[in-house]
Amino acid sequence: QVQLVESGGGLVQPGGSLRLSCAAPGLSLDYYAFAWFRQAPEKEREEVACVSNNAGRTYYAEDVNGRFSLSKDKAKNTVYLQMNSLKPDDTAVYYCATDYPTIKVSDSYDACFYGMNHWGEGTLVTVST
């Protein structure tokens, strides 16, 4: 059974940084795509970043591009979301997701452009003074 476990959320002042972690035991970080979504109070869930199965390409939402960055630690089977220059509008519950168990039918298949299948429980990020 797939289990994604997020951690690293918390309270941070505007302009500060946080690094979120998504532990994905047993999953190949190269074969599957991993994405981060967030949901603020009374707002719809939105995708903020994705690291593809296809050559590890990364994609970011416009409002986080240049401030957030994805990385992977294969030894720890963990995907990270480094968040810098945080703003109050970044306040949300952040969720990690993966496209497991999607089987890639071609080398050009990029799972970031398709739906994710499993989500973690989320971690709360609050940006406030």
Protein backbone atom coordinates (compact mmCIF):
# COMPACT_ATOMS: atom_id res chain seq x y z
CA GLN A 1 0.00 0.00 0.00
CA VAL A 2 1.32 3.40 -0.98
CA GLN A 3 2.04 5.75 1.88
CA LEU A 4 3.25 9.30 1.39
CA VAL A 5 4.20 11.14 4.56
CA GLU A 6 4.68 14.89 4.53
CA SER A 7 6.55 16.84 7.18
CA GLY A 8 8.25 20.17 7.67
CA GLY A 9 5.30 22.50 7.90
CA GLY A 10 4.99 25.13 10.56
CA LEU A 11 4.73 28.83 11.33
CA VAL A 12 7.12 31.17 9.54
CA GLN A 13 7.32 34.92 9.13
CA PRO A 14 6.88 36.54 5.73
CA GLY A 15 10.12 36.38 3.81
CA GLY A 16 11.18 33.24 5.63
CA SER A 17 11.86 29.72 4.36
CA LEU A 18 10.67 26.20 4.99
CA ARG A 19 11.56 22.84 3.51
CA LEU A 20 8.81 20.29 3.19
CA SER A 21 9.58 16.60 2.96
CA CYS A 22 7.61 13.82 1.34
CA ALA A 23 8.74 10.35 2.33
CA ALA A 24 7.78 7.73 -0.25
CA PRO A 25 9.00 4.37 1.02
CA GLY A 26 9.16 1.66 -1.60
CA LEU A 27 8.51 3.92 -4.59
CA SER A 28 10.94 4.69 -7.37
CA LEU A 29 11.59 8.43 -7.41
CA ASP A 30 12.66 8.14 -11.05
CA TYR A 31 9.79 6.06 -12.43
CA TYR A 32 6.97 8.00 -10.79
CA ALA A 33 6.16 11.66 -10.77
CA PHE A 34 5.71 13.52 -7.51
CA ALA A 35 3.78 16.71 -7.10
CA TRP A 36 2.98 19.18 -4.37
CA PHE A 37 -0.48 20.63 -4.05
CA ARG A 38 -1.84 23.12 -1.56
CA GLN A 39 -5.23 24.09 -0.30
CA ALA A 40 -5.88 27.32 1.53
CA PRO A 41 -9.02 27.87 3.64
CA GLU A 42 -12.11 28.27 1.47
CA LYS A 43 -10.08 27.82 -1.71
CA GLU A 44 -9.74 24.98 -4.16
CA ARG A 45 -6.71 22.73 -4.14
CA GLU A 46 -4.03 23.86 -6.56
CA GLU A 47 -0.88 22.25 -7.84
CA VAL A 48 2.27 24.20 -7.06
CA ALA A 49 5.08 21.99 -8.32
CA CYS A 50 5.81 18.68 -9.99
CA VAL A 51 8.94 16.63 -10.64
CA SER A 52 8.46 14.40 -13.62
CA ASN A 53 9.29 10.77 -14.27
CA ASN A 54 10.63 12.06 -17.59
CA ALA A 55 14.26 13.04 -17.03
CA GLY A 56 13.35 14.62 -13.72
CA ARG A 57 11.88 17.71 -15.34
CA THR A 58 10.35 20.16 -12.88
CA TYR A 59 7.35 22.40 -13.26
CA TYR A 60 6.16 25.20 -11.03
CA ALA A 61 3.03 27.28 -10.75
CA GLU A 62 3.53 30.85 -11.86
CA ASP A 63 3.19 32.37 -8.41
CA VAL A 64 5.84 30.15 -6.83
CA ASN A 65 8.29 29.98 -9.73
CA GLY A 66 11.63 31.32 -8.60
CA ARG A 67 10.75 30.94 -4.92
CA PHE A 68 10.06 27.20 -4.59
CA SER A 69 12.28 24.37 -5.76
CA LEU A 70 12.00 20.59 -5.87
CA SER A 71 14.70 18.07 -5.13
CA LYS A 72 14.96 14.34 -4.54
CA ASP A 73 17.08 12.22 -2.22
CA LYS A 74 17.01 8.70 -3.57
CA ALA A 75 18.93 7.32 -0.60
CA LYS A 76 16.14 8.49 1.68
CA ASN A 77 13.35 7.98 -0.87
CA THR A 78 12.23 11.49 -0.14
CA VAL A 79 11.10 14.41 -2.26
CA TYR A 80 11.63 17.93 -0.94
CA LEU A 81 9.96 21.24 -1.60
CA GLN A 82 12.19 24.15 -0.62
CA MET A 83 10.10 27.27 -0.13
CA ASN A 84 11.81 30.64 0.06
CA SER A 85 10.56 34.22 0.28
CA LEU A 86 7.31 33.00 1.74
CA LYS A 87 4.26 35.21 1.62
CA PRO A 88 1.04 35.17 3.66
CA ASP A 89 -0.74 33.95 0.51
CA ASP A 90 1.36 30.77 0.70
CA THR A 91 -0.51 29.78 3.86
CA ALA A 92 -2.18 26.44 3.18
CA VAL A 93 -2.11 22.73 3.84
CA TYR A 94 0.48 21.26 1.50
CA TYR A 95 0.01 17.77 0.10
CA CYS A 96 2.44 15.45 -1.63
CA ALA A 97 1.09 13.26 -4.43
CA THR A 98 2.30 10.64 -6.86
CA ASP A 99 1.06 9.04 -10.04
CA TYR A 100 1.82 5.53 -8.75
CA PRO A 101 0.92 2.95 -10.08
CA THR A 102 0.75 4.44 -13.57
CA ILE A 103 2.69 2.37 -16.09
CA LYS A 104 4.55 4.50 -18.62
CA VAL A 105 3.71 3.48 -22.15
CA SER A 106 6.46 5.49 -23.81
CA ASP A 107 9.71 7.23 -22.97
CA SER A 108 8.11 10.59 -23.68
CA TYR A 109 5.26 10.11 -21.22
CA ASP A 110 5.36 12.90 -18.65
CA ALA A 111 3.16 12.09 -15.71
CA CYS A 112 3.13 15.71 -14.53
CA PHE A 113 0.60 16.42 -17.26
CA TYR A 114 -1.79 13.78 -16.04
CA GLY A 115 -3.58 13.15 -12.79
CA MET A 116 -2.00 11.98 -9.56
CA ASN A 117 -3.35 8.89 -7.87
CA HIS A 118 -2.23 9.00 -4.26
CA TRP A 119 -1.96 11.84 -1.76
CA GLY A 120 -0.48 12.17 1.67
CA GLU A 121 -2.29 13.58 4.69
CA GLY A 122 -0.78 17.03 4.31
CA THR A 123 1.28 19.43 6.40
CA LEU A 124 0.18 22.91 7.43
CA VAL A 125 2.24 25.94 6.45
CA THR A 126 1.34 29.25 8.05
CA VAL A 127 3.05 32.44 6.95
CA SER A 128 2.30 35.20 9.40
CA THR A 129 3.80 37.79 11.71
